[in-house]
Amino acid sequence: MVRPPSGKVVRAGHQIGEQLTTWRKLLGLTAAQVADRAGIARSTLARVEKGEGGVNFQAVLSMARALGVLDDLVRATDPYESDLGRARADQQLPKRVRS
């Protein structure tokens, strides 16, 4: 059984959607232009910008690429960019985490 997302997850979705919208506007791009560059439907882009759940993860990544922030997103989730990750970089990870 799938549990509904927590309030924190819902708020994060809205915040990320707002931030991607702000990037689009700062770059002077229309929603249609970003959707076309990302290879997604305009309706999907609108759902991402509204922070709606259930949007395909590839759509979010494609939109980030179209806005030029994909590398920043990847870097933000890199554990070795964190203090903890750097501190434990020499430790061997369990095999189930490596794959």
C-alpha atoms as a PDB file:
ATOM      1  CA  MET A   1       0.000   0.000   0.000  1.00  0.00           C
ATOM      2  CA  VAL A   2       1.348   3.408  -0.971  1.00  0.00           C
ATOM      3  CA  ARG A   3       1.158   6.104   1.674  1.00  0.00           C
ATOM      4  CA  PRO A   4       0.319   9.658   0.694  1.00  0.00           C
ATOM      5  CA  PRO A   5       3.317  12.008   0.676  1.00  0.00           C
ATOM      6  CA  SER A   6       4.133  13.916   3.845  1.00  0.00           C
ATOM      7  CA  GLY A   7       3.410  17.615   4.105  1.00  0.00           C
ATOM      8  CA  LYS A   8       7.121  18.312   3.887  1.00  0.00           C
ATOM      9  CA  VAL A   9       7.383  16.437   0.586  1.00  0.00           C
ATOM     10  CA  VAL A  10       4.359  18.286  -0.822  1.00  0.00           C
ATOM     11  CA  ARG A  11       5.825  21.656   0.239  1.00  0.00           C
ATOM     12  CA  ALA A  12       9.203  20.740  -1.310  1.00  0.00           C
ATOM     13  CA  GLY A  13       7.452  19.901  -4.583  1.00  0.00           C
ATOM     14  CA  HIS A  14       5.754  23.288  -4.610  1.00  0.00           C
ATOM     15  CA  GLN A  15       9.011  25.052  -3.773  1.00  0.00           C
ATOM     16  CA  ILE A  16      10.965  23.258  -6.512  1.00  0.00           C
ATOM     17  CA  GLY A  17       8.183  24.010  -8.989  1.00  0.00           C
ATOM     18  CA  GLU A  18       8.277  27.688  -8.050  1.00  0.00           C
ATOM     19  CA  GLN A  19      12.059  27.760  -8.356  1.00  0.00           C
ATOM     20  CA  LEU A  20      11.988  26.175 -11.815  1.00  0.00           C
ATOM     21  CA  THR A  21       9.345  28.720 -12.826  1.00  0.00           C
ATOM     22  CA  THR A  22      11.579  31.517 -11.561  1.00  0.00           C
ATOM     23  CA  TRP A  23      14.535  30.135 -13.559  1.00  0.00           C
ATOM     24  CA  ARG A  24      12.360  30.045 -16.683  1.00  0.00           C
ATOM     25  CA  LYS A  25      11.297  33.652 -16.182  1.00  0.00           C
ATOM     26  CA  LEU A  26      14.827  34.851 -15.354  1.00  0.00           C
ATOM     27  CA  LEU A  27      15.994  33.312 -18.620  1.00  0.00           C
ATOM     28  CA  GLY A  28      13.187  35.083 -20.483  1.00  0.00           C
ATOM     29  CA  LEU A  29      11.688  31.834 -21.765  1.00  0.00           C
ATOM     30  CA  THR A  30       8.041  31.025 -22.264  1.00  0.00           C
ATOM     31  CA  ALA A  31       6.531  27.852 -20.918  1.00  0.00           C
ATOM     32  CA  ALA A  32       6.054  26.645 -24.502  1.00  0.00           C
ATOM     33  CA  GLN A  33       9.756  27.190 -25.264  1.00  0.00           C
ATOM     34  CA  VAL A  34      10.896  25.233 -22.191  1.00  0.00           C
ATOM     35  CA  ALA A  35       8.422  22.423 -22.850  1.00  0.00           C
ATOM     36  CA  ASP A  36       9.673  22.165 -26.430  1.00  0.00           C
ATOM     37  CA  ARG A  37      13.351  22.186 -25.381  1.00  0.00           C
ATOM     38  CA  ALA A  38      12.651  19.600 -22.674  1.00  0.00           C
ATOM     39  CA  GLY A  39      10.644  17.389 -25.021  1.00  0.00           C
ATOM     40  CA  ILE A  40       7.634  17.372 -22.717  1.00  0.00           C
ATOM     41  CA  ALA A  41       4.035  18.449 -23.094  1.00  0.00           C
ATOM     42  CA  ARG A  42       3.093  21.971 -22.037  1.00  0.00           C
ATOM     43  CA  SER A  43       0.603  20.436 -19.593  1.00  0.00           C
ATOM     44  CA  THR A  44       3.404  18.395 -17.981  1.00  0.00           C
ATOM     45  CA  LEU A  45       5.522  21.517 -17.601  1.00  0.00           C
ATOM     46  CA  ALA A  46       2.578  23.263 -15.931  1.00  0.00           C
ATOM     47  CA  ARG A  47       2.215  20.356 -13.494  1.00  0.00           C
ATOM     48  CA  VAL A  48       5.937  20.537 -12.625  1.00  0.00           C
ATOM     49  CA  GLU A  49       5.736  24.295 -12.105  1.00  0.00           C
ATOM     50  CA  LYS A  50       2.733  23.839  -9.808  1.00  0.00           C
ATOM     51  CA  GLY A  51       4.630  21.223  -7.820  1.00  0.00           C
ATOM     52  CA  GLU A  52       2.034  18.545  -8.475  1.00  0.00           C
ATOM     53  CA  GLY A  53       2.897  15.019  -7.454  1.00  0.00           C
ATOM     54  CA  GLY A  54       2.901  12.115  -9.858  1.00  0.00           C
ATOM     55  CA  VAL A  55       4.930  13.890 -12.528  1.00  0.00           C
ATOM     56  CA  ASN A  56       7.405  11.676 -14.358  1.00  0.00           C
ATOM     57  CA  PHE A  57      10.896  12.090 -12.874  1.00  0.00           C
ATOM     58  CA  GLN A  58      12.395  12.243 -16.390  1.00  0.00           C
ATOM     59  CA  ALA A  59      10.168  15.225 -17.128  1.00  0.00           C
ATOM     60  CA  VAL A  60      11.568  17.121 -14.136  1.00  0.00           C
ATOM     61  CA  LEU A  61      15.148  16.268 -15.141  1.00  0.00           C
ATOM     62  CA  SER A  62      14.493  17.224 -18.773  1.00  0.00           C
ATOM     63  CA  MET A  63      13.044  20.533 -17.650  1.00  0.00           C
ATOM     64  CA  ALA A  64      16.079  21.174 -15.420  1.00  0.00           C
ATOM     65  CA  ARG A  65      18.348  20.433 -18.387  1.00  0.00           C
ATOM     66  CA  ALA A  66      16.391  22.822 -20.619  1.00  0.00           C
ATOM     67  CA  LEU A  67      16.835  25.534 -17.976  1.00  0.00           C
ATOM     68  CA  GLY A  68      20.553  24.836 -17.546  1.00  0.00           C
ATOM     69  CA  VAL A  69      20.307  23.721 -13.917  1.00  0.00           C
ATOM     70  CA  LEU A  70      20.582  19.940 -14.311  1.00  0.00           C
ATOM     71  CA  ASP A  71      24.264  19.850 -13.289  1.00  0.00           C
ATOM     72  CA  ASP A  72      23.434  21.881 -10.171  1.00  0.00           C
ATOM     73  CA  LEU A  73      20.651  19.452  -9.295  1.00  0.00           C
ATOM     74  CA  VAL A  74      22.962  16.462  -9.703  1.00  0.00           C
ATOM     75  CA  ARG A  75      25.644  18.181  -7.619  1.00  0.00           C
ATOM     76  CA  ALA A  76      23.122  19.023  -4.878  1.00  0.00           C
ATOM     77  CA  THR A  77      22.353  15.328  -4.409  1.00  0.00           C
ATOM     78  CA  ASP A  78      25.972  14.120  -4.572  1.00  0.00           C
ATOM     79  CA  PRO A  79      26.797  12.661  -1.139  1.00  0.00           C
ATOM     80  CA  TYR A  80      30.485  13.420  -1.641  1.00  0.00           C
ATOM     81  CA  GLU A  81      29.653  17.123  -1.886  1.00  0.00           C
ATOM     82  CA  SER A  82      28.537  16.994   1.756  1.00  0.00           C
ATOM     83  CA  ASP A  83      30.650  17.103   4.893  1.00  0.00           C
ATOM     84  CA  LEU A  84      29.448  13.624   5.858  1.00  0.00           C
ATOM     85  CA  GLY A  85      30.218  12.177   2.435  1.00  0.00           C
ATOM     86  CA  ARG A  86      33.705  13.668   2.368  1.00  0.00           C
ATOM     87  CA  ALA A  87      34.374  12.466   5.920  1.00  0.00           C
ATOM     88  CA  ARG A  88      33.368   8.922   5.017  1.00  0.00           C
ATOM     89  CA  ALA A  89      34.809   8.845   1.503  1.00  0.00           C
ATOM     90  CA  ASP A  90      37.476   6.341   2.509  1.00  0.00           C
ATOM     91  CA  GLN A  91      35.001   3.906   4.064  1.00  0.00           C
ATOM     92  CA  GLN A  92      33.773   0.997   2.020  1.00  0.00           C
ATOM     93  CA  LEU A  93      30.054   1.146   1.300  1.00  0.00           C
ATOM     94  CA  PRO A  94      27.949  -1.967   1.784  1.00  0.00           C
ATOM     95  CA  LYS A  95      27.539  -3.911  -1.483  1.00  0.00           C
ATOM     96  CA  ARG A  96      23.774  -3.339  -1.651  1.00  0.00           C
ATOM     97  CA  VAL A  97      24.370   0.456  -1.813  1.00  0.00           C
ATOM     98  CA  ARG A  98      26.909   0.283  -4.654  1.00  0.00           C
ATOM     99  CA  SER A  99      24.655  -1.172  -7.323  1.00  0.00           C
END
